[in-house]
């Protein structure tokens, strides 16, 4: 991890509308921060997160998420050059039986 992460300065407040920014600790809340930035953030914010946590930690957190929307999931697969199957949310979706309407 590099320099200190200042959430209220580095990221848009709208990304964390449901939490008090003063109570958000970058180390204890890394899952929330990484998820919000990669789903809703800008490329600049993604770079800040990558510089702070490092590629391995970010990728581990993203792989363990239970849900990522399909567009973001495909972006992550290309961005990190990993297969879709390495994400828990992708494997869970494949295991879920689809209901067909006749």
C-alpha atoms as a PDB file:
ATOM      1  CA  UNK A   1       0.000   0.000   0.000  1.00  0.00           C
ATOM      2  CA  UNK A   2       1.282   3.396  -0.884  1.00  0.00           C
ATOM      3  CA  UNK A   3       0.490   6.773   0.620  1.00  0.00           C
ATOM      4  CA  UNK A   4      -2.589   7.438   2.756  1.00  0.00           C
ATOM      5  CA  UNK A   5      -5.947   7.329   0.997  1.00  0.00           C
ATOM      6  CA  UNK A   6      -8.148  10.378   1.599  1.00  0.00           C
ATOM      7  CA  UNK A   7     -11.643   9.263   0.639  1.00  0.00           C
ATOM      8  CA  UNK A   8     -13.341  12.652   0.899  1.00  0.00           C
ATOM      9  CA  UNK A   9     -10.629  14.293  -1.223  1.00  0.00           C
ATOM     10  CA  UNK A  10      -9.796  11.548  -3.743  1.00  0.00           C
ATOM     11  CA  UNK A  11     -13.327  10.358  -4.636  1.00  0.00           C
ATOM     12  CA  UNK A  12     -16.703  11.899  -5.437  1.00  0.00           C
ATOM     13  CA  UNK A  13     -18.982  12.076  -2.390  1.00  0.00           C
ATOM     14  CA  UNK A  14     -21.846  10.606  -4.430  1.00  0.00           C
ATOM     15  CA  UNK A  15     -20.066   7.246  -4.588  1.00  0.00           C
ATOM     16  CA  UNK A  16     -20.441   6.812  -0.829  1.00  0.00           C
ATOM     17  CA  UNK A  17     -23.868   8.350  -0.324  1.00  0.00           C
ATOM     18  CA  UNK A  18     -24.918   5.772   2.251  1.00  0.00           C
ATOM     19  CA  UNK A  19     -21.967   5.975   4.651  1.00  0.00           C
ATOM     20  CA  UNK A  20     -20.394   8.701   6.749  1.00  0.00           C
ATOM     21  CA  UNK A  21     -17.053   9.495   5.108  1.00  0.00           C
ATOM     22  CA  UNK A  22     -15.476  10.283   8.484  1.00  0.00           C
ATOM     23  CA  UNK A  23     -16.176   6.717   9.641  1.00  0.00           C
ATOM     24  CA  UNK A  24     -14.894   5.060   6.466  1.00  0.00           C
ATOM     25  CA  UNK A  25     -11.492   3.526   7.150  1.00  0.00           C
ATOM     26  CA  UNK A  26      -9.555   2.632   3.958  1.00  0.00           C
ATOM     27  CA  UNK A  27      -8.152  -0.560   5.453  1.00  0.00           C
ATOM     28  CA  UNK A  28     -11.270  -1.914   7.162  1.00  0.00           C
ATOM     29  CA  UNK A  29     -13.626  -0.876   4.336  1.00  0.00           C
ATOM     30  CA  UNK A  30     -11.497  -1.879   1.363  1.00  0.00           C
ATOM     31  CA  UNK A  31     -14.163  -4.185  -0.052  1.00  0.00           C
ATOM     32  CA  UNK A  32     -16.752  -1.384  -0.160  1.00  0.00           C
ATOM     33  CA  UNK A  33     -14.282   1.145  -1.547  1.00  0.00           C
ATOM     34  CA  UNK A  34     -12.929  -1.126  -4.267  1.00  0.00           C
ATOM     35  CA  UNK A  35     -16.389  -2.284  -5.331  1.00  0.00           C
ATOM     36  CA  UNK A  36     -17.844   1.234  -5.535  1.00  0.00           C
ATOM     37  CA  UNK A  37     -14.886   2.667  -7.414  1.00  0.00           C
ATOM     38  CA  UNK A  38     -14.754  -0.103 -10.014  1.00  0.00           C
ATOM     39  CA  UNK A  39     -18.515  -0.139 -10.556  1.00  0.00           C
ATOM     40  CA  UNK A  40     -19.278   3.600 -10.399  1.00  0.00           C
ATOM     41  CA  UNK A  41     -15.956   5.453 -10.430  1.00  0.00           C
ATOM     42  CA  UNK A  42     -13.807   7.071 -13.089  1.00  0.00           C
ATOM     43  CA  UNK A  43     -10.532   5.840 -14.550  1.00  0.00           C
ATOM     44  CA  UNK A  44      -8.701   8.387 -12.382  1.00  0.00           C
ATOM     45  CA  UNK A  45     -10.353   6.968  -9.249  1.00  0.00           C
ATOM     46  CA  UNK A  46      -9.561   3.416 -10.358  1.00  0.00           C
ATOM     47  CA  UNK A  47      -5.895   4.399 -10.686  1.00  0.00           C
ATOM     48  CA  UNK A  48      -5.921   5.862  -7.162  1.00  0.00           C
ATOM     49  CA  UNK A  49      -7.361   2.621  -5.758  1.00  0.00           C
ATOM     50  CA  UNK A  50      -4.871   0.503  -7.710  1.00  0.00           C
ATOM     51  CA  UNK A  51      -1.955   2.617  -6.481  1.00  0.00           C
ATOM     52  CA  UNK A  52      -3.118   2.427  -2.865  1.00  0.00           C
ATOM     53  CA  UNK A  53      -4.107  -1.238  -2.522  1.00  0.00           C
ATOM     54  CA  UNK A  54      -2.061  -2.853  -5.289  1.00  0.00           C
ATOM     55  CA  UNK A  55      -3.218  -5.076  -8.126  1.00  0.00           C
ATOM     56  CA  UNK A  56      -3.261  -8.350  -6.158  1.00  0.00           C
ATOM     57  CA  UNK A  57      -5.462  -7.086  -3.321  1.00  0.00           C
ATOM     58  CA  UNK A  58      -7.856  -5.308  -5.697  1.00  0.00           C
ATOM     59  CA  UNK A  59      -8.200  -8.375  -7.896  1.00  0.00           C
ATOM     60  CA  UNK A  60      -8.762 -10.679  -4.891  1.00  0.00           C
ATOM     61  CA  UNK A  61     -11.530  -8.421  -3.578  1.00  0.00           C
ATOM     62  CA  UNK A  62     -13.210  -8.117  -6.981  1.00  0.00           C
ATOM     63  CA  UNK A  63     -13.021 -11.870  -7.602  1.00  0.00           C
ATOM     64  CA  UNK A  64     -14.769 -12.558  -4.300  1.00  0.00           C
ATOM     65  CA  UNK A  65     -17.762 -10.249  -4.856  1.00  0.00           C
ATOM     66  CA  UNK A  66     -21.137 -11.976  -5.097  1.00  0.00           C
ATOM     67  CA  UNK A  67     -22.505  -9.606  -7.724  1.00  0.00           C
ATOM     68  CA  UNK A  68     -20.964  -7.448 -10.435  1.00  0.00           C
ATOM     69  CA  UNK A  69     -23.070  -6.161 -13.306  1.00  0.00           C
ATOM     70  CA  UNK A  70     -22.247  -7.790 -16.678  1.00  0.00           C
ATOM     71  CA  UNK A  71     -20.687  -4.691 -18.236  1.00  0.00           C
ATOM     72  CA  UNK A  72     -18.343  -4.124 -15.293  1.00  0.00           C
ATOM     73  CA  UNK A  73     -17.508  -7.821 -15.151  1.00  0.00           C
ATOM     74  CA  UNK A  74     -16.408  -7.829 -18.782  1.00  0.00           C
ATOM     75  CA  UNK A  75     -14.379  -4.657 -18.204  1.00  0.00           C
ATOM     76  CA  UNK A  76     -12.626  -6.272 -15.231  1.00  0.00           C
ATOM     77  CA  UNK A  77     -11.857  -9.392 -17.218  1.00  0.00           C
ATOM     78  CA  UNK A  78     -10.176  -7.350 -19.951  1.00  0.00           C
ATOM     79  CA  UNK A  79      -8.567  -4.810 -17.585  1.00  0.00           C
ATOM     80  CA  UNK A  80      -6.870  -7.476 -15.449  1.00  0.00           C
ATOM     81  CA  UNK A  81      -6.465  -9.975 -18.320  1.00  0.00           C
ATOM     82  CA  UNK A  82      -8.176 -12.785 -16.384  1.00  0.00           C
ATOM     83  CA  UNK A  83     -10.949 -15.155 -17.350  1.00  0.00           C
ATOM     84  CA  UNK A  84     -14.565 -14.531 -16.410  1.00  0.00           C
ATOM     85  CA  UNK A  85     -14.589 -17.909 -14.652  1.00  0.00           C
ATOM     86  CA  UNK A  86     -12.182 -16.589 -12.030  1.00  0.00           C
ATOM     87  CA  UNK A  87     -14.930 -14.328 -10.611  1.00  0.00           C
ATOM     88  CA  UNK A  88     -17.285 -15.809  -8.012  1.00  0.00           C
ATOM     89  CA  UNK A  89     -20.246 -13.828  -9.341  1.00  0.00           C
ATOM     90  CA  UNK A  90     -19.787 -15.280 -12.838  1.00  0.00           C
ATOM     91  CA  UNK A  91     -19.608 -18.866 -11.574  1.00  0.00           C
ATOM     92  CA  UNK A  92     -22.681 -18.351  -9.368  1.00  0.00           C
ATOM     93  CA  UNK A  93     -24.633 -16.978 -12.299  1.00  0.00           C
ATOM     94  CA  UNK A  94     -23.712 -20.006 -14.393  1.00  0.00           C
ATOM     95  CA  UNK A  95     -24.942 -22.331 -11.636  1.00  0.00           C
ATOM     96  CA  UNK A  96     -28.281 -20.567 -11.267  1.00  0.00           C
ATOM     97  CA  UNK A  97     -30.996 -22.301 -13.208  1.00  0.00           C
ATOM     98  CA  UNK A  98     -32.792 -19.995 -15.629  1.00  0.00           C
ATOM     99  CA  UNK A  99     -36.564 -20.112 -15.885  1.00  0.00           C
ATOM    100  CA  UNK A 100     -37.871 -20.266 -19.414  1.00  0.00           C
ATOM    101  CA  UNK A 101     -41.206 -18.882 -20.464  1.00  0.00           C
ATOM    102  CA  UNK A 102     -43.072 -20.862 -23.045  1.00  0.00           C
END
